[in-house]
Amino acid sequence: MTNQINKINTMFAVFIMLILMTATRGHSNWLSSIIHLPDFSIPALFIAGVYFRAFWVAMVIIVSVVAIDNYAIIHEGVSANCITPAYSVLLLTYYGIFWVGKYLTTLRIEHDIIKNVLIIIMACAVQWFVATASYFVFTTSPWGKFGTYALHWSMVEIPLVLYWMLAIFITFTLNHRYLLMPYFSTQKN
């Protein structure tokens, strides 16, 4: 019975993360134009790595990223400029974020918060750099502009993921201390 409850809780949590990803990665959909939140894909992969640790959860999230992007390109008229061979590298970096999440101990404010925060910052920076560099490799973008591009956009895009992670740390800490949602305690399996 406990195993069945855990599966239901996992599926519900994945469903909530997919809703957040759709709302924030939906590019030009009506919801993202109202709320203007940064993309939730990387935070979802950190959560999956830390608490669910199952390959299928990471694959559901990554396949959903592809589906959301395809829908945005085909049905919402979003530019397909980023769909190059580098897109496959982006998906691999997402899987890397999931594996880094498996190395973390928790997403709560605890005694190992400094270690976890440093790992998250490094993982986000490496993921962003590898994904961006692969785009420059597989397109005609001039490498001479990479340094300027990276300096400017990394300072814009990486903190957006870190803001989500801060919200996750606060939410998971409050949930653990006050059992706001007792069925979703953040105990690592």
Protein backbone atom coordinates (compact mmCIF):
# COMPACT_ATOMS: atom_id res chain seq x y z
CA MET A 1 0.00 0.00 0.00
CA THR A 2 2.82 2.43 0.84
CA ASN A 3 4.48 1.75 -2.49
CA GLN A 4 1.20 2.57 -4.29
CA ILE A 5 0.84 5.83 -2.32
CA ASN A 6 4.42 6.77 -3.21
CA LYS A 7 3.69 6.14 -6.92
CA ILE A 8 0.55 8.27 -6.78
CA ASN A 9 2.39 11.05 -4.93
CA THR A 10 5.22 10.91 -7.49
CA MET A 11 2.82 11.07 -10.43
CA PHE A 12 0.97 13.98 -8.84
CA ALA A 13 4.21 15.87 -8.16
CA VAL A 14 5.41 15.24 -11.74
CA PHE A 15 2.03 16.47 -13.01
CA ILE A 16 2.40 19.70 -10.99
CA MET A 17 5.94 20.19 -12.36
CA LEU A 18 4.68 19.64 -15.92
CA ILE A 19 1.99 22.26 -15.40
CA LEU A 20 4.63 24.71 -14.15
CA MET A 21 6.85 23.88 -17.12
CA THR A 22 4.00 24.39 -19.58
CA ALA A 23 3.09 27.70 -17.97
CA THR A 24 6.67 28.98 -17.95
CA ARG A 25 8.19 27.36 -21.04
CA GLY A 26 5.11 27.87 -23.19
CA HIS A 27 6.89 30.76 -24.93
CA SER A 28 4.03 32.87 -26.24
CA ASN A 29 1.05 31.11 -24.70
CA TRP A 30 -1.58 33.20 -22.96
CA LEU A 31 -0.57 32.01 -19.48
CA SER A 32 3.14 32.82 -19.80
CA SER A 33 2.24 36.24 -21.20
CA ILE A 34 0.25 36.91 -18.02
CA ILE A 35 2.62 35.62 -15.34
CA HIS A 36 6.11 36.17 -16.88
CA LEU A 37 7.90 33.54 -14.82
CA PRO A 38 11.22 32.02 -15.93
CA ASP A 39 11.40 28.48 -17.28
CA PHE A 40 10.82 25.77 -14.65
CA SER A 41 12.51 22.91 -16.57
CA ILE A 42 15.87 22.91 -14.78
CA PRO A 43 14.34 23.26 -11.28
CA ALA A 44 12.02 20.35 -12.12
CA LEU A 45 15.04 18.23 -13.02
CA PHE A 46 16.79 19.14 -9.76
CA ILE A 47 13.66 18.12 -7.83
CA ALA A 48 13.45 14.87 -9.80
CA GLY A 49 17.08 14.07 -9.07
CA VAL A 50 16.94 14.84 -5.37
CA TYR A 51 13.60 13.34 -4.40
CA PHE A 52 12.37 10.94 -7.07
CA ARG A 53 15.67 9.63 -8.41
CA ALA A 54 13.86 7.58 -11.06
CA PHE A 55 14.99 7.57 -14.67
CA TRP A 56 11.40 7.67 -15.91
CA VAL A 57 10.72 10.95 -14.08
CA ALA A 58 13.69 12.63 -15.79
CA MET A 59 12.62 11.26 -19.16
CA VAL A 60 9.04 12.50 -18.70
CA ILE A 61 10.36 15.97 -17.94
CA ILE A 62 12.81 16.01 -20.87
CA VAL A 63 10.27 14.62 -23.36
CA SER A 64 7.81 17.24 -22.10
CA VAL A 65 10.38 19.96 -22.81
CA VAL A 66 10.61 18.73 -26.41
CA ALA A 67 6.82 18.51 -26.72
CA ILE A 68 6.30 22.02 -25.31
CA ASP A 69 8.95 23.46 -27.65
CA ASN A 70 7.50 21.64 -30.66
CA TYR A 71 4.01 22.86 -29.85
CA ALA A 72 5.28 26.43 -29.50
CA ILE A 73 7.08 26.24 -32.85
CA ILE A 74 4.32 24.51 -34.80
CA HIS A 75 1.20 26.08 -33.29
CA GLU A 76 2.29 29.37 -31.76
CA GLY A 77 4.69 30.57 -34.42
CA VAL A 78 7.76 30.68 -32.19
CA SER A 79 11.00 30.81 -34.18
CA ALA A 80 12.70 27.46 -34.74
CA ASN A 81 16.13 29.16 -34.76
CA CYS A 82 17.30 27.16 -31.74
CA ILE A 83 16.34 23.79 -33.24
CA THR A 84 19.75 22.73 -34.50
CA PRO A 85 21.91 19.72 -33.64
CA ALA A 86 22.77 21.75 -30.52
CA TYR A 87 19.24 21.07 -29.25
CA SER A 88 20.27 17.46 -28.60
CA VAL A 89 23.16 18.75 -26.48
CA LEU A 90 20.69 20.89 -24.53
CA LEU A 91 18.67 17.77 -23.75
CA LEU A 92 21.82 15.97 -22.60
CA THR A 93 22.66 18.89 -20.30
CA TYR A 94 19.16 18.61 -18.87
CA TYR A 95 19.82 14.96 -18.10
CA GLY A 96 23.09 16.06 -16.47
CA ILE A 97 21.11 18.39 -14.18
CA PHE A 98 19.01 15.39 -13.13
CA TRP A 99 22.21 13.47 -12.22
CA VAL A 100 23.57 16.42 -10.27
CA GLY A 101 20.27 16.45 -8.38
CA LYS A 102 20.89 12.83 -7.40
CA TYR A 103 24.15 13.98 -5.77
CA LEU A 104 22.41 16.62 -3.64
CA THR A 105 21.14 15.65 -0.22
CA THR A 106 18.10 17.92 0.02
CA LEU A 107 16.46 21.05 -1.31
CA ARG A 108 15.79 22.41 2.17
CA ILE A 109 17.58 24.94 4.30
CA GLU A 110 19.68 22.65 6.52
CA HIS A 111 23.24 22.15 7.70
CA ASP A 112 24.51 21.33 4.18
CA ILE A 113 22.84 24.31 2.49
CA ILE A 114 26.15 25.91 1.45
CA LYS A 115 27.36 22.75 -0.30
CA ASN A 116 24.03 22.24 -2.06
CA VAL A 117 23.76 25.87 -3.17
CA LEU A 118 27.31 25.85 -4.54
CA ILE A 119 26.63 22.62 -6.45
CA ILE A 120 23.42 24.09 -7.89
CA ILE A 121 25.15 27.31 -8.97
CA MET A 122 28.00 25.38 -10.60
CA ALA A 123 25.63 22.94 -12.31
CA CYS A 124 23.49 25.79 -13.68
CA ALA A 125 26.55 27.65 -14.94
CA VAL A 126 28.05 24.57 -16.60
CA GLN A 127 24.69 23.59 -18.13
CA TRP A 128 24.19 27.09 -19.53
CA PHE A 129 27.74 27.31 -20.88
CA VAL A 130 27.67 23.88 -22.56
CA ALA A 131 24.23 24.48 -24.09
CA THR A 132 25.21 27.93 -25.35
CA ALA A 133 28.60 26.84 -26.66
CA SER A 134 26.99 23.93 -28.51
CA TYR A 135 24.66 26.40 -30.22
CA PHE A 136 27.69 28.38 -31.40
CA VAL A 137 29.34 25.15 -32.59
CA PHE A 138 26.37 23.98 -34.65
CA THR A 139 25.36 27.32 -36.16
CA THR A 140 27.05 30.02 -38.15
CA SER A 141 27.26 32.27 -35.10
CA PRO A 142 30.72 33.86 -35.02
CA TRP A 143 32.92 32.63 -32.17
CA GLY A 144 34.36 36.11 -31.83
CA LYS A 145 31.07 37.22 -30.28
CA PHE A 146 30.78 34.27 -27.89
CA GLY A 147 32.60 35.96 -25.01
CA THR A 148 30.44 39.08 -25.15
CA TYR A 149 27.29 37.01 -25.57
CA ALA A 150 28.19 34.69 -22.69
CA LEU A 151 29.15 37.53 -20.38
CA HIS A 152 25.88 39.36 -20.99
CA TRP A 153 23.33 36.53 -21.20
CA SER A 154 24.75 34.27 -18.50
CA MET A 155 24.20 37.11 -16.02
CA VAL A 156 20.60 37.34 -17.19
CA GLU A 157 19.60 33.68 -17.63
CA ILE A 158 21.41 31.78 -14.86
CA PRO A 159 19.97 33.91 -12.01
CA LEU A 160 16.46 33.16 -13.29
CA VAL A 161 16.98 29.46 -12.54
CA LEU A 162 18.50 30.36 -9.19
CA TYR A 163 15.40 32.42 -8.26
CA TRP A 164 13.29 29.30 -8.82
CA MET A 165 15.69 27.27 -6.72
CA LEU A 166 15.45 29.83 -3.90
CA ALA A 167 11.65 29.55 -4.02
CA ILE A 168 11.95 25.75 -3.97
CA PHE A 169 14.31 25.81 -0.97
CA ILE A 170 11.90 28.05 0.93
CA THR A 171 8.82 26.01 -0.05
CA PHE A 172 10.39 22.65 0.79
CA THR A 173 11.76 23.96 4.10
CA LEU A 174 8.35 25.34 5.13
CA ASN A 175 6.63 22.13 4.04
CA HIS A 176 9.09 20.05 6.06
CA ARG A 177 8.75 22.19 9.20
CA TYR A 178 5.02 22.86 9.13
CA LEU A 179 3.71 19.93 7.07
CA LEU A 180 1.70 22.16 4.75
CA MET A 181 1.29 19.15 2.47
CA PRO A 182 1.97 16.08 4.63
CA TYR A 183 1.71 13.64 1.74
CA PHE A 184 4.59 15.42 0.05
CA SER A 185 7.18 15.55 2.77
CA THR A 186 10.58 16.09 1.28
CA GLN A 187 12.27 13.04 2.73
CA LYS A 188 14.76 11.52 0.31
CA ASN A 189 14.13 7.88 -0.62
